[in-house]
N, C-alpha and C. Protein backbone atom coordinates (compact mmCIF):
# COMPACT_ATOMS: atom_id res chain seq x y z
N GLY A 1 0.79 -1.18 0.00
CA GLY A 1 0.00 0.00 0.00
C GLY A 1 0.84 1.26 0.00
N THR A 2 0.82 1.93 1.13
CA THR A 2 1.48 3.23 1.22
C THR A 2 3.00 3.12 1.29
N ASP A 3 3.53 1.92 1.45
CA ASP A 3 4.98 1.73 1.47
C ASP A 3 5.60 2.13 0.14
N ALA A 4 4.83 2.10 -0.92
CA ALA A 4 5.35 2.46 -2.25
C ALA A 4 5.83 3.91 -2.28
N PHE A 5 5.22 4.78 -1.48
CA PHE A 5 5.67 6.17 -1.46
C PHE A 5 7.11 6.28 -0.97
N SER A 6 7.44 5.56 0.09
CA SER A 6 8.81 5.64 0.61
C SER A 6 9.79 4.87 -0.27
N GLN A 7 9.36 3.77 -0.85
CA GLN A 7 10.25 2.97 -1.68
C GLN A 7 10.68 3.73 -2.93
N SER A 8 9.77 4.46 -3.53
CA SER A 8 10.13 5.20 -4.74
C SER A 8 11.18 6.27 -4.44
N GLY A 9 11.06 6.92 -3.31
CA GLY A 9 12.06 7.90 -2.91
C GLY A 9 13.39 7.27 -2.56
N LEU A 10 13.32 6.11 -1.93
CA LEU A 10 14.55 5.41 -1.53
C LEU A 10 15.38 5.05 -2.75
N TYR A 11 14.77 4.43 -3.73
CA TYR A 11 15.54 3.94 -4.88
C TYR A 11 15.97 5.07 -5.82
N SER A 12 15.17 6.08 -5.98
CA SER A 12 15.57 7.17 -6.87
C SER A 12 16.62 8.07 -6.22
N ASN A 13 16.66 8.11 -4.91
CA ASN A 13 17.63 8.97 -4.23
C ASN A 13 19.06 8.50 -4.44
N HIS A 14 19.29 7.21 -4.46
CA HIS A 14 20.64 6.70 -4.72
C HIS A 14 21.10 7.13 -6.12
N GLN A 15 20.20 7.05 -7.06
CA GLN A 15 20.51 7.44 -8.44
C GLN A 15 20.78 8.94 -8.52
N ASP A 16 20.08 9.72 -7.71
CA ASP A 16 20.25 11.17 -7.72
C ASP A 16 21.57 11.58 -7.06
N ILE A 17 21.94 10.92 -5.97
CA ILE A 17 23.15 11.29 -5.23
C ILE A 17 24.41 10.92 -6.00
N ALA A 18 24.47 9.69 -6.50
CA ALA A 18 25.69 9.23 -7.19
C ALA A 18 25.30 8.21 -8.26
N PRO A 19 24.95 8.68 -9.46
CA PRO A 19 24.48 7.76 -10.50
C PRO A 19 25.46 6.63 -10.80
N ARG A 20 26.73 6.93 -10.77
CA ARG A 20 27.72 5.91 -11.11
C ARG A 20 27.83 4.82 -10.03
N TYR A 21 27.58 5.18 -8.79
CA TYR A 21 27.74 4.25 -7.67
C TYR A 21 26.41 3.93 -6.98
N SER A 22 25.31 4.12 -7.69
CA SER A 22 24.01 3.91 -7.06
C SER A 22 23.80 2.47 -6.60
N GLY A 23 24.33 1.52 -7.35
CA GLY A 23 24.19 0.12 -6.94
C GLY A 23 24.92 -0.18 -5.64
N ILE A 24 26.12 0.37 -5.51
CA ILE A 24 26.89 0.18 -4.28
C ILE A 24 26.19 0.86 -3.11
N LEU A 25 25.71 2.08 -3.34
CA LEU A 25 25.01 2.80 -2.28
C LEU A 25 23.75 2.06 -1.84
N LEU A 26 23.01 1.53 -2.80
CA LEU A 26 21.80 0.79 -2.46
C LEU A 26 22.15 -0.47 -1.68
N GLY A 27 23.21 -1.15 -2.08
CA GLY A 27 23.64 -2.34 -1.34
C GLY A 27 24.03 -2.02 0.09
N LEU A 28 24.77 -0.93 0.28
CA LEU A 28 25.17 -0.54 1.63
C LEU A 28 23.98 -0.14 2.49
N SER A 29 23.08 0.65 1.92
CA SER A 29 21.92 1.08 2.71
C SER A 29 20.97 -0.07 2.99
N ASN A 30 20.84 -1.00 2.05
CA ASN A 30 20.00 -2.16 2.28
C ASN A 30 20.61 -3.05 3.37
N THR A 31 21.93 -3.22 3.35
CA THR A 31 22.60 -4.00 4.39
C THR A 31 22.39 -3.37 5.75
N ALA A 32 22.52 -2.05 5.83
CA ALA A 32 22.29 -1.36 7.10
C ALA A 32 20.86 -1.56 7.59
N GLY A 33 19.90 -1.54 6.66
CA GLY A 33 18.51 -1.76 7.03
C GLY A 33 18.25 -3.16 7.54
N VAL A 34 18.87 -4.15 6.90
CA VAL A 34 18.70 -5.54 7.32
C VAL A 34 19.34 -5.75 8.70
N LEU A 35 20.54 -5.21 8.89
CA LEU A 35 21.20 -5.35 10.19
C LEU A 35 20.40 -4.67 11.29
N ALA A 36 19.81 -3.53 10.97
CA ALA A 36 18.96 -2.85 11.96
C ALA A 36 17.77 -3.72 12.34
N GLY A 37 17.20 -4.42 11.37
CA GLY A 37 16.08 -5.31 11.66
C GLY A 37 16.49 -6.49 12.53
N VAL A 38 17.65 -7.06 12.26
CA VAL A 38 18.13 -8.20 13.04
C VAL A 38 18.48 -7.77 14.46
N PHE A 39 19.31 -6.74 14.59
CA PHE A 39 19.74 -6.31 15.92
C PHE A 39 18.61 -5.61 16.67
N GLY A 40 17.71 -4.97 15.94
CA GLY A 40 16.58 -4.31 16.58
C GLY A 40 15.65 -5.29 17.28
N THR A 41 15.46 -6.45 16.67
CA THR A 41 14.62 -7.48 17.29
C THR A 41 15.26 -7.98 18.58
N ALA A 42 16.56 -8.24 18.53
CA ALA A 42 17.27 -8.70 19.73
C ALA A 42 17.28 -7.62 20.81
N ALA A 43 17.50 -6.37 20.40
CA ALA A 43 17.53 -5.27 21.37
C ALA A 43 16.16 -5.06 22.01
N THR A 44 15.11 -5.22 21.23
CA THR A 44 13.76 -5.09 21.79
C THR A 44 13.51 -6.14 22.86
N GLY A 45 13.92 -7.38 22.59
CA GLY A 45 13.77 -8.43 23.59
C GLY A 45 14.54 -8.12 24.86
N TYR A 46 15.75 -7.63 24.70
CA TYR A 46 16.58 -7.28 25.87
C TYR A 46 15.94 -6.14 26.66
N ILE A 47 15.49 -5.10 25.96
CA ILE A 47 14.88 -3.96 26.64
C ILE A 47 13.62 -4.38 27.37
N LEU A 48 12.82 -5.25 26.75
CA LEU A 48 11.58 -5.68 27.40
C LEU A 48 11.83 -6.55 28.62
N GLN A 49 12.95 -7.28 28.64
CA GLN A 49 13.29 -8.07 29.83
C GLN A 49 13.64 -7.17 31.01
N HIS A 50 14.20 -6.00 30.72
CA HIS A 50 14.66 -5.11 31.77
C HIS A 50 13.84 -3.82 31.89
N GLY A 51 12.86 -3.64 31.04
CA GLY A 51 12.09 -2.40 31.04
C GLY A 51 10.69 -2.63 30.51
N SER A 52 10.21 -1.66 29.73
CA SER A 52 8.85 -1.73 29.20
C SER A 52 8.83 -1.25 27.75
N TRP A 53 7.64 -1.31 27.16
CA TRP A 53 7.48 -0.85 25.78
C TRP A 53 7.80 0.63 25.66
N ASP A 54 7.55 1.37 26.72
CA ASP A 54 7.87 2.79 26.70
C ASP A 54 9.35 3.02 26.41
N ASP A 55 10.20 2.20 27.01
CA ASP A 55 11.64 2.31 26.76
C ASP A 55 11.99 1.96 25.31
N VAL A 56 11.32 0.96 24.76
CA VAL A 56 11.55 0.57 23.37
C VAL A 56 11.23 1.73 22.44
N PHE A 57 10.10 2.38 22.67
CA PHE A 57 9.70 3.48 21.81
C PHE A 57 10.61 4.70 21.98
N LYS A 58 11.12 4.92 23.17
CA LYS A 58 12.07 6.02 23.38
C LYS A 58 13.34 5.80 22.57
N VAL A 59 13.84 4.58 22.57
CA VAL A 59 15.04 4.25 21.78
C VAL A 59 14.74 4.44 20.29
N SER A 60 13.57 3.98 19.85
CA SER A 60 13.19 4.11 18.43
C SER A 60 13.12 5.57 18.00
N VAL A 61 12.49 6.39 18.81
CA VAL A 61 12.38 7.81 18.49
C VAL A 61 13.76 8.45 18.42
N GLY A 62 14.62 8.11 19.37
CA GLY A 62 15.97 8.66 19.37
C GLY A 62 16.74 8.29 18.11
N LEU A 63 16.65 7.03 17.70
CA LEU A 63 17.35 6.58 16.50
C LEU A 63 16.80 7.26 15.25
N TYR A 64 15.49 7.40 15.16
CA TYR A 64 14.89 8.08 14.01
C TYR A 64 15.34 9.54 13.95
N LEU A 65 15.38 10.21 15.09
CA LEU A 65 15.80 11.61 15.10
C LEU A 65 17.26 11.77 14.68
N VAL A 66 18.13 10.91 15.20
CA VAL A 66 19.54 10.96 14.82
C VAL A 66 19.70 10.71 13.32
N GLY A 67 19.01 9.70 12.81
CA GLY A 67 19.08 9.40 11.38
C GLY A 67 18.59 10.54 10.52
N THR A 68 17.52 11.18 10.94
CA THR A 68 16.97 12.30 10.18
C THR A 68 17.94 13.48 10.17
N VAL A 69 18.53 13.78 11.30
CA VAL A 69 19.47 14.90 11.38
C VAL A 69 20.70 14.63 10.52
N VAL A 70 21.26 13.43 10.62
CA VAL A 70 22.45 13.09 9.83
C VAL A 70 22.12 13.15 8.35
N TRP A 71 20.98 12.60 7.95
CA TRP A 71 20.59 12.61 6.54
C TRP A 71 20.44 14.04 6.03
N ASN A 72 19.77 14.87 6.79
CA ASN A 72 19.54 16.25 6.35
C ASN A 72 20.83 17.07 6.31
N LEU A 73 21.79 16.73 7.14
CA LEU A 73 23.05 17.47 7.14
C LEU A 73 23.96 17.07 5.98
N PHE A 74 23.97 15.80 5.62
CA PHE A 74 24.99 15.31 4.70
C PHE A 74 24.50 14.88 3.32
N SER A 75 23.21 14.71 3.12
CA SER A 75 22.75 14.26 1.80
C SER A 75 22.54 15.45 0.87
N THR A 76 22.89 15.24 -0.38
CA THR A 76 22.71 16.29 -1.38
C THR A 76 22.66 15.65 -2.76
N GLY A 77 21.98 16.29 -3.65
CA GLY A 77 21.94 15.84 -5.03
C GLY A 77 22.77 16.72 -5.94
N GLU A 78 23.44 17.70 -5.36
CA GLU A 78 24.26 18.62 -6.15
C GLU A 78 25.58 17.98 -6.53
N LYS A 79 26.07 18.36 -7.71
CA LYS A 79 27.34 17.80 -8.18
C LYS A 79 28.48 18.72 -7.84
């Protein structure tokens, strides 16, 4: 459904940033996403053993904010 909106931006952005290396960039970002899914599941289990869902969501919000700030500071489509 609505995931298509984010996917279209994800794949076209690599092409916009570095057309020659877009495949490598996509591979690196996809690997980071997969690792986040694997370690995120384990981290959620650990946090829930020692805390609550509130703590899980606080960590998630913090990570999203850091990612957004880093992306906005360093990403560009200019040559």
